[in-house]
PDB file of N, CA and C in Angstrom:
ATOM      1  N   MET A   1     107.575  52.330 189.962  1.00  0.00           N
ATOM      2  CA  MET A   1     106.200  51.924 189.998  1.00  0.00           C
ATOM      3  C   MET A   1     105.920  51.336 191.364  1.00  0.00           C
ATOM      4  N   GLY A   2     104.783  51.703 191.922  1.00  0.00           N
ATOM      5  CA  GLY A   2     104.351  51.136 193.188  1.00  0.00           C
ATOM      6  C   GLY A   2     103.098  50.310 192.984  1.00  0.00           C
ATOM      7  N   ILE A   3     102.993  49.221 193.727  1.00  0.00           N
ATOM      8  CA  ILE A   3     101.819  48.358 193.637  1.00  0.00           C
ATOM      9  C   ILE A   3     101.291  48.148 195.045  1.00  0.00           C
ATOM     10  N   THR A   4     100.003  48.387 195.247  1.00  0.00           N
ATOM     11  CA  THR A   4      99.407  48.106 196.538  1.00  0.00           C
ATOM     12  C   THR A   4      98.210  47.179 196.343  1.00  0.00           C
ATOM     13  N   VAL A   5      98.191  46.130 197.135  1.00  0.00           N
ATOM     14  CA  VAL A   5      97.081  45.178 197.132  1.00  0.00           C
ATOM     15  C   VAL A   5      96.727  44.958 198.596  1.00  0.00           C
ATOM     16  N   THR A   6      95.563  45.421 199.009  1.00  0.00           N
ATOM     17  CA  THR A   6      95.199  45.330 200.414  1.00  0.00           C
ATOM     18  C   THR A   6      94.822  43.906 200.800  1.00  0.00           C
ATOM     19  N   LYS A   7      94.859  43.641 202.091  1.00  0.00           N
ATOM     20  CA  LYS A   7      94.486  42.324 202.597  1.00  0.00           C
ATOM     21  C   LYS A   7      93.025  42.018 202.330  1.00  0.00           C
ATOM     22  N   LYS A   8      92.245  43.051 202.078  1.00  0.00           N
ATOM     23  CA  LYS A   8      90.836  42.852 201.766  1.00  0.00           C
ATOM     24  C   LYS A   8      90.655  42.153 200.422  1.00  0.00           C
ATOM     25  N   CYS A   9      91.714  42.118 199.602  1.00  0.00           N
ATOM     26  CA  CYS A   9      91.643  41.472 198.294  1.00  0.00           C
ATOM     27  C   CYS A   9      91.792  39.961 198.392  1.00  0.00           C
ATOM     28  N   GLY A  10      92.201  39.480 199.540  1.00  0.00           N
ATOM     29  CA  GLY A  10      92.341  38.035 199.702  1.00  0.00           C
ATOM     30  C   GLY A  10      93.615  37.681 200.432  1.00  0.00           C
ATOM     31  N   LYS A  11      93.873  36.403 200.463  1.00  0.00           N
ATOM     32  CA  LYS A  11      95.058  35.888 201.159  1.00  0.00           C
ATOM     33  C   LYS A  11      96.316  36.202 200.347  1.00  0.00           C
ATOM     34  N   ALA A  12      97.473  35.923 200.944  1.00  0.00           N
ATOM     35  CA  ALA A  12      98.762  36.284 200.360  1.00  0.00           C
ATOM     36  C   ALA A  12      98.956  35.725 198.957  1.00  0.00           C
ATOM     37  N   VAL A  13      98.505  34.512 198.717  1.00  0.00           N
ATOM     38  CA  VAL A  13      98.675  33.905 197.389  1.00  0.00           C
ATOM     39  C   VAL A  13      97.987  34.753 196.333  1.00  0.00           C
ATOM     40  N   ARG A  14      96.777  35.179 196.617  1.00  0.00           N
ATOM     41  CA  ARG A  14      96.000  35.999 195.674  1.00  0.00           C
ATOM     42  C   ARG A  14      96.637  37.379 195.511  1.00  0.00           C
ATOM     43  N   ARG A  15      97.044  38.005 196.593  1.00  0.00           N
ATOM     44  CA  ARG A  15      97.676  39.340 196.516  1.00  0.00           C
ATOM     45  C   ARG A  15      98.983  39.277 195.730  1.00  0.00           C
ATOM     46  N   ASN A  16      99.768  38.242 195.973  1.00  0.00           N
ATOM     47  CA  ASN A  16     101.037  38.103 195.263  1.00  0.00           C
ATOM     48  C   ASN A  16     100.833  37.818 193.780  1.00  0.00           C
ATOM     49  N   ARG A  17      99.777  37.089 193.443  1.00  0.00           N
ATOM     50  CA  ARG A  17      99.459  36.838 192.031  1.00  0.00           C
ATOM     51  C   ARG A  17      99.182  38.147 191.302  1.00  0.00           C
ATOM     52  N   TRP A  18      98.388  39.023 191.933  1.00  0.00           N
ATOM     53  CA  TRP A  18      98.125  40.358 191.369  1.00  0.00           C
ATOM     54  C   TRP A  18      99.443  41.084 191.118  1.00  0.00           C
ATOM     55  N   LYS A  19     100.292  41.106 192.138  1.00  0.00           N
ATOM     56  CA  LYS A  19     101.549  41.861 192.017  1.00  0.00           C
ATOM     57  C   LYS A  19     102.455  41.287 190.933  1.00  0.00           C
ATOM     58  N   ARG A  20     102.531  39.960 190.854  1.00  0.00           N
ATOM     59  CA  ARG A  20     103.359  39.344 189.812  1.00  0.00           C
ATOM     60  C   ARG A  20     102.865  39.704 188.415  1.00  0.00           C
ATOM     61  N   LEU A  21     101.558  39.651 188.207  1.00  0.00           N
ATOM     62  CA  LEU A  21     101.002  39.985 186.897  1.00  0.00           C
ATOM     63  C   LEU A  21     101.259  41.444 186.525  1.00  0.00           C
ATOM     64  N   ILE A  22     101.046  42.343 187.465  1.00  0.00           N
ATOM     65  CA  ILE A  22     101.257  43.775 187.200  1.00  0.00           C
ATOM     66  C   ILE A  22     102.724  44.047 186.914  1.00  0.00           C
ATOM     67  N   ARG A  23     103.625  43.440 187.700  1.00  0.00           N
ATOM     68  CA  ARG A  23     105.059  43.635 187.464  1.00  0.00           C
ATOM     69  C   ARG A  23     105.474  43.103 186.097  1.00  0.00           C
ATOM     70  N   GLU A  24     104.889  41.983 185.668  1.00  0.00           N
ATOM     71  CA  GLU A  24     105.231  41.416 184.365  1.00  0.00           C
ATOM     72  C   GLU A  24     104.781  42.327 183.223  1.00  0.00           C
ATOM     73  N   VAL A  25     103.601  42.885 183.331  1.00  0.00           N
ATOM     74  CA  VAL A  25     103.141  43.836 182.306  1.00  0.00           C
ATOM     75  C   VAL A  25     104.099  45.020 182.255  1.00  0.00           C
ATOM     76  N   TYR A  26     104.476  45.531 183.416  1.00  0.00           N
ATOM     77  CA  TYR A  26     105.406  46.661 183.464  1.00  0.00           C
ATOM     78  C   TYR A  26     106.752  46.276 182.844  1.00  0.00           C
ATOM     79  N   ARG A  27     107.254  45.101 183.194  1.00  0.00           N
ATOM     80  CA  ARG A  27     108.550  44.661 182.681  1.00  0.00           C
ATOM     81  C   ARG A  27     108.541  44.569 181.150  1.00  0.00           C
ATOM     82  N   LEU A  28     107.456  44.057 180.583  1.00  0.00           N
ATOM     83  CA  LEU A  28     107.376  43.897 179.128  1.00  0.00           C
ATOM     84  C   LEU A  28     107.267  45.223 178.390  1.00  0.00           C
ATOM     85  N   HIS A  29     106.756  46.258 179.053  1.00  0.00           N
ATOM     86  CA  HIS A  29     106.473  47.520 178.362  1.00  0.00           C
ATOM     87  C   HIS A  29     107.233  48.715 178.925  1.00  0.00           C
ATOM     88  N   ARG A  30     108.144  48.508 179.847  1.00  0.00           N
ATOM     89  CA  ARG A  30     108.790  49.657 180.506  1.00  0.00           C
ATOM     90  C   ARG A  30     109.595  50.531 179.550  1.00  0.00           C
ATOM     91  N   GLN A  31     110.117  49.962 178.462  1.00  0.00           N
ATOM     92  CA  GLN A  31     110.865  50.768 177.498  1.00  0.00           C
ATOM     93  C   GLN A  31     109.963  51.758 176.769  1.00  0.00           C
ATOM     94  N   LYS A  32     108.683  51.404 176.622  1.00  0.00           N
ATOM     95  CA  LYS A  32     107.735  52.257 175.904  1.00  0.00           C
ATOM     96  C   LYS A  32     107.059  53.281 176.813  1.00  0.00           C
ATOM     97  N   LEU A  33     107.122  53.060 178.124  1.00  0.00           N
ATOM     98  CA  LEU A  33     106.415  53.948 179.041  1.00  0.00           C
ATOM     99  C   LEU A  33     107.164  55.256 179.221  1.00  0.00           C
ATOM    100  N   PRO A  34     106.449  56.337 179.404  1.00  0.00           N
ATOM    101  CA  PRO A  34     107.115  57.616 179.648  1.00  0.00           C
ATOM    102  C   PRO A  34     107.792  57.600 181.021  1.00  0.00           C
ATOM    103  N   ALA A  35     108.763  58.454 181.185  1.00  0.00           N
ATOM    104  CA  ALA A  35     109.448  58.558 182.474  1.00  0.00           C
ATOM    105  C   ALA A  35     108.492  59.223 183.458  1.00  0.00           C
ATOM    106  N   ALA A  36     107.816  58.424 184.230  1.00  0.00           N
ATOM    107  CA  ALA A  36     106.844  58.929 185.194  1.00  0.00           C
ATOM    108  C   ALA A  36     106.701  57.906 186.308  1.00  0.00           C
ATOM    109  N   ASP A  37     106.170  58.331 187.415  1.00  0.00           N
ATOM    110  CA  ASP A  37     105.906  57.426 188.531  1.00  0.00           C
ATOM    111  C   ASP A  37     104.482  56.908 188.404  1.00  0.00           C
ATOM    112  N   PHE A  38     104.313  55.627 188.621  1.00  0.00           N
ATOM    113  CA  PHE A  38     102.996  55.007 188.572  1.00  0.00           C
ATOM    114  C   PHE A  38     102.746  54.288 189.884  1.00  0.00           C
ATOM    115  N   VAL A  39     101.537  54.396 190.382  1.00  0.00           N
ATOM    116  CA  VAL A  39     101.101  53.621 191.536  1.00  0.00           C
ATOM    117  C   VAL A  39      99.860  52.862 191.106  1.00  0.00           C
ATOM    118  N   VAL A  40      99.915  51.545 191.209  1.00  0.00           N
ATOM    119  CA  VAL A  40      98.795  50.695 190.830  1.00  0.00           C
ATOM    120  C   VAL A  40      98.177  50.177 192.119  1.00  0.00           C
ATOM    121  N   THR A  41      96.895  50.458 192.316  1.00  0.00           N
ATOM    122  CA  THR A  41      96.179  50.012 193.504  1.00  0.00           C
ATOM    123  C   THR A  41      95.072  49.060 193.089  1.00  0.00           C
ATOM    124  N   VAL A  42      95.087  47.875 193.674  1.00  0.00           N
ATOM    125  CA  VAL A  42      94.070  46.874 193.372  1.00  0.00           C
ATOM    126  C   VAL A  42      92.959  47.009 194.414  1.00  0.00           C
ATOM    127  N   LYS A  43      91.749  47.144 193.948  1.00  0.00           N
ATOM    128  CA  LYS A  43      90.589  47.275 194.837  1.00  0.00           C
ATOM    129  C   LYS A  43      90.050  45.892 195.184  1.00  0.00           C
ATOM    130  N   ARG A  44      89.407  45.795 196.319  1.00  0.00           N
ATOM    131  CA  ARG A  44      88.851  44.504 196.723  1.00  0.00           C
ATOM    132  C   ARG A  44      87.630  44.152 195.869  1.00  0.00           C
ATOM    133  N   GLY A  45      87.363  42.874 195.800  1.00  0.00           N
ATOM    134  CA  GLY A  45      86.193  42.412 195.062  1.00  0.00           C
ATOM    135  C   GLY A  45      86.399  42.261 193.570  1.00  0.00           C
ATOM    136  N   VAL A  46      87.602  42.511 193.078  1.00  0.00           N
ATOM    137  CA  VAL A  46      87.880  42.394 191.646  1.00  0.00           C
ATOM    138  C   VAL A  46      88.586  41.063 191.402  1.00  0.00           C
ATOM    139  N   ASP A  47      88.051  40.268 190.485  1.00  0.00           N
ATOM    140  CA  ASP A  47      88.680  38.989 190.153  1.00  0.00           C
ATOM    141  C   ASP A  47      89.961  39.226 189.365  1.00  0.00           C
ATOM    142  N   ILE A  48      90.882  38.307 189.493  1.00  0.00           N
ATOM    143  CA  ILE A  48      92.139  38.410 188.751  1.00  0.00           C
ATOM    144  C   ILE A  48      91.843  38.115 187.283  1.00  0.00           C
ATOM    145  N   PRO A  49      92.106  39.080 186.393  1.00  0.00           N
ATOM    146  CA  PRO A  49      91.796  38.881 184.970  1.00  0.00           C
ATOM    147  C   PRO A  49      92.869  38.045 184.275  1.00  0.00           C
ATOM    148  N   ALA A  50      92.585  37.649 183.055  1.00  0.00           N
ATOM    149  CA  ALA A  50      93.594  36.994 182.226  1.00  0.00           C
ATOM    150  C   ALA A  50      94.712  37.998 181.960  1.00  0.00           C
ATOM    151  N   PHE A  51      95.910  37.493 181.709  1.00  0.00           N
ATOM    152  CA  PHE A  51      97.061  38.372 181.520  1.00  0.00           C
ATOM    153  C   PHE A  51      96.825  39.388 180.406  1.00  0.00           C
ATOM    154  N   GLN A  52      96.287  38.944 179.277  1.00  0.00           N
ATOM    155  CA  GLN A  52      96.085  39.844 178.134  1.00  0.00           C
ATOM    156  C   GLN A  52      95.097  40.957 178.479  1.00  0.00           C
ATOM    157  N   GLU A  53      94.080  40.632 179.235  1.00  0.00           N
ATOM    158  CA  GLU A  53      93.099  41.640 179.635  1.00  0.00           C
ATOM    159  C   GLU A  53      93.722  42.666 180.576  1.00  0.00           C
ATOM    160  N   LEU A  54      94.506  42.185 181.536  1.00  0.00           N
ATOM    161  CA  LEU A  54      95.192  43.081 182.467  1.00  0.00           C
ATOM    162  C   LEU A  54      96.187  43.965 181.717  1.00  0.00           C
ATOM    163  N   GLU A  55      96.925  43.367 180.794  1.00  0.00           N
ATOM    164  CA  GLU A  55      97.899  44.110 179.999  1.00  0.00           C
ATOM    165  C   GLU A  55      97.216  45.226 179.210  1.00  0.00           C
ATOM    166  N   ARG A  56      96.123  44.900 178.542  1.00  0.00           N
ATOM    167  CA  ARG A  56      95.385  45.882 177.746  1.00  0.00           C
ATOM    168  C   ARG A  56      94.884  47.034 178.629  1.00  0.00           C
ATOM    169  N   GLU A  57      94.345  46.697 179.785  1.00  0.00           N
ATOM    170  CA  GLU A  57      93.800  47.718 180.679  1.00  0.00           C
ATOM    171  C   GLU A  57      94.903  48.607 181.267  1.00  0.00           C
ATOM    172  N   LEU A  58      96.012  48.008 181.700  1.00  0.00           N
ATOM    173  CA  LEU A  58      97.101  48.813 182.253  1.00  0.00           C
ATOM    174  C   LEU A  58      97.712  49.727 181.203  1.00  0.00           C
ATOM    175  N   LEU A  59      97.890  49.232 179.986  1.00  0.00           N
ATOM    176  CA  LEU A  59      98.430  50.084 178.916  1.00  0.00           C
ATOM    177  C   LEU A  59      97.492  51.243 178.614  1.00  0.00           C
ATOM    178  N   ARG A  60      96.191  50.965 178.631  1.00  0.00           N
ATOM    179  CA  ARG A  60      95.214  52.033 178.400  1.00  0.00           C
ATOM    180  C   ARG A  60      95.312  53.088 179.498  1.00  0.00           C
ATOM    181  N   LEU A  61      95.417  52.645 180.754  1.00  0.00           N
ATOM    182  CA  LEU A  61      95.507  53.581 181.871  1.00  0.00           C
ATOM    183  C   LEU A  61      96.818  54.366 181.841  1.00  0.00           C
ATOM    184  N   TRP A  62      97.927  53.685 181.523  1.00  0.00           N
ATOM    185  CA  TRP A  62      99.213  54.371 181.462  1.00  0.00           C
ATOM    186  C   TRP A  62      99.219  55.395 180.329  1.00  0.00           C
ATOM    187  N   ARG A  63      98.604  55.048 179.197  1.00  0.00           N
ATOM    188  CA  ARG A  63      98.503  55.994 178.080  1.00  0.00           C
ATOM    189  C   ARG A  63      97.703  57.228 178.503  1.00  0.00           C
ATOM    190  N   ARG A  64      96.585  56.982 179.157  1.00  0.00           N
ATOM    191  CA  ARG A  64      95.721  58.067 179.608  1.00  0.00           C
ATOM    192  C   ARG A  64      96.443  58.959 180.628  1.00  0.00           C
ATOM    193  N   ALA A  65      97.147  58.356 181.565  1.00  0.00           N
ATOM    194  CA  ALA A  65      97.891  59.119 182.574  1.00  0.00           C
ATOM    195  C   ALA A  65      98.985  59.954 181.906  1.00  0.00           C
ATOM    196  N   ALA A  66      99.653  59.378 180.927  1.00  0.00           N
ATOM    197  CA  ALA A  66     100.708  60.108 180.227  1.00  0.00           C
ATOM    198  C   ALA A  66     100.130  61.282 179.453  1.00  0.00           C
ATOM    199  N   ASP A  67      98.986  61.080 178.809  1.00  0.00           N
ATOM    200  CA  ASP A  67      98.348  62.162 178.045  1.00  0.00           C
ATOM    201  C   ASP A  67      97.917  63.296 178.967  1.00  0.00           C
ATOM    202  N   GLU A  68      97.349  62.952 180.112  1.00  0.00           N
ATOM    203  CA  GLU A  68      96.873  63.969 181.047  1.00  0.00           C
ATOM    204  C   GLU A  68      98.012  64.728 181.709  1.00  0.00           C
ATOM    205  N   SER A  69      99.175  64.079 181.828  1.00  0.00           N
ATOM    206  CA  SER A  69     100.298  64.743 182.488  1.00  0.00           C
ATOM    207  C   SER A  69     101.177  65.507 181.499  1.00  0.00           C
ATOM    208  N   GLY A  70     100.837  65.427 180.222  1.00  0.00           N
ATOM    209  CA  GLY A  70     101.590  66.184 179.228  1.00  0.00           C
ATOM    210  C   GLY A  70     102.716  65.391 178.579  1.00  0.00           C
ATOM    211  N   HIS A  71     102.902  64.114 178.950  1.00  0.00           N
ATOM    212  CA  HIS A  71     103.899  63.300 178.283  1.00  0.00           C
ATOM    213  C   HIS A  71     103.381  62.948 176.898  1.00  0.00           C
ATOM    214  N   ARG A  72     104.267  62.469 176.064  1.00  0.00           N
ATOM    215  CA  ARG A  72     103.885  62.170 174.688  1.00  0.00           C
ATOM    216  C   ARG A  72     103.203  60.824 174.541  1.00  0.00           C
ATOM    217  N   GLY A  73     102.863  60.168 175.618  1.00  0.00           N
ATOM    218  CA  GLY A  73     102.201  58.868 175.536  1.00  0.00           C
ATOM    219  C   GLY A  73     103.216  57.755 175.454  1.00  0.00           C
ATOM    220  N   LEU A  74     102.747  56.571 175.136  1.00  0.00           N
ATOM    221  CA  LEU A  74     103.628  55.424 175.045  1.00  0.00           C
ATOM    222  C   LEU A  74     104.518  55.563 173.824  1.00  0.00           C
ATOM    223  N   ARG A  75     105.777  55.274 174.025  1.00  0.00           N
ATOM    224  CA  ARG A  75     106.728  55.325 172.901  1.00  0.00           C
ATOM    225  C   ARG A  75     106.599  54.053 172.091  1.00  0.00           C
ATOM    226  N   GLN A  76     106.840  54.163 170.820  1.00  0.00           N
ATOM    227  CA  GLN A  76     106.741  52.990 169.934  1.00  0.00           C
ATOM    228  C   GLN A  76     107.975  52.161 169.970  1.00  0.00           C
TER     229      GLN A  76
END
């Protein structure tokens, strides 16, 4: 998994917070994710969401990416 957070998103503390949250969601769910490469790009101007909101959104996106690529989706 790759994570990119541009300097336009804020100072290092803010960029690192994004990366830590995304990595934690990945760590908690990596056993369920299909074997695929993911790149998560954070756009500027987006506030850092609560962990549960970020988790829900990333799982939705990973499920959608897996479905479009022909994988069987998230494993149970």
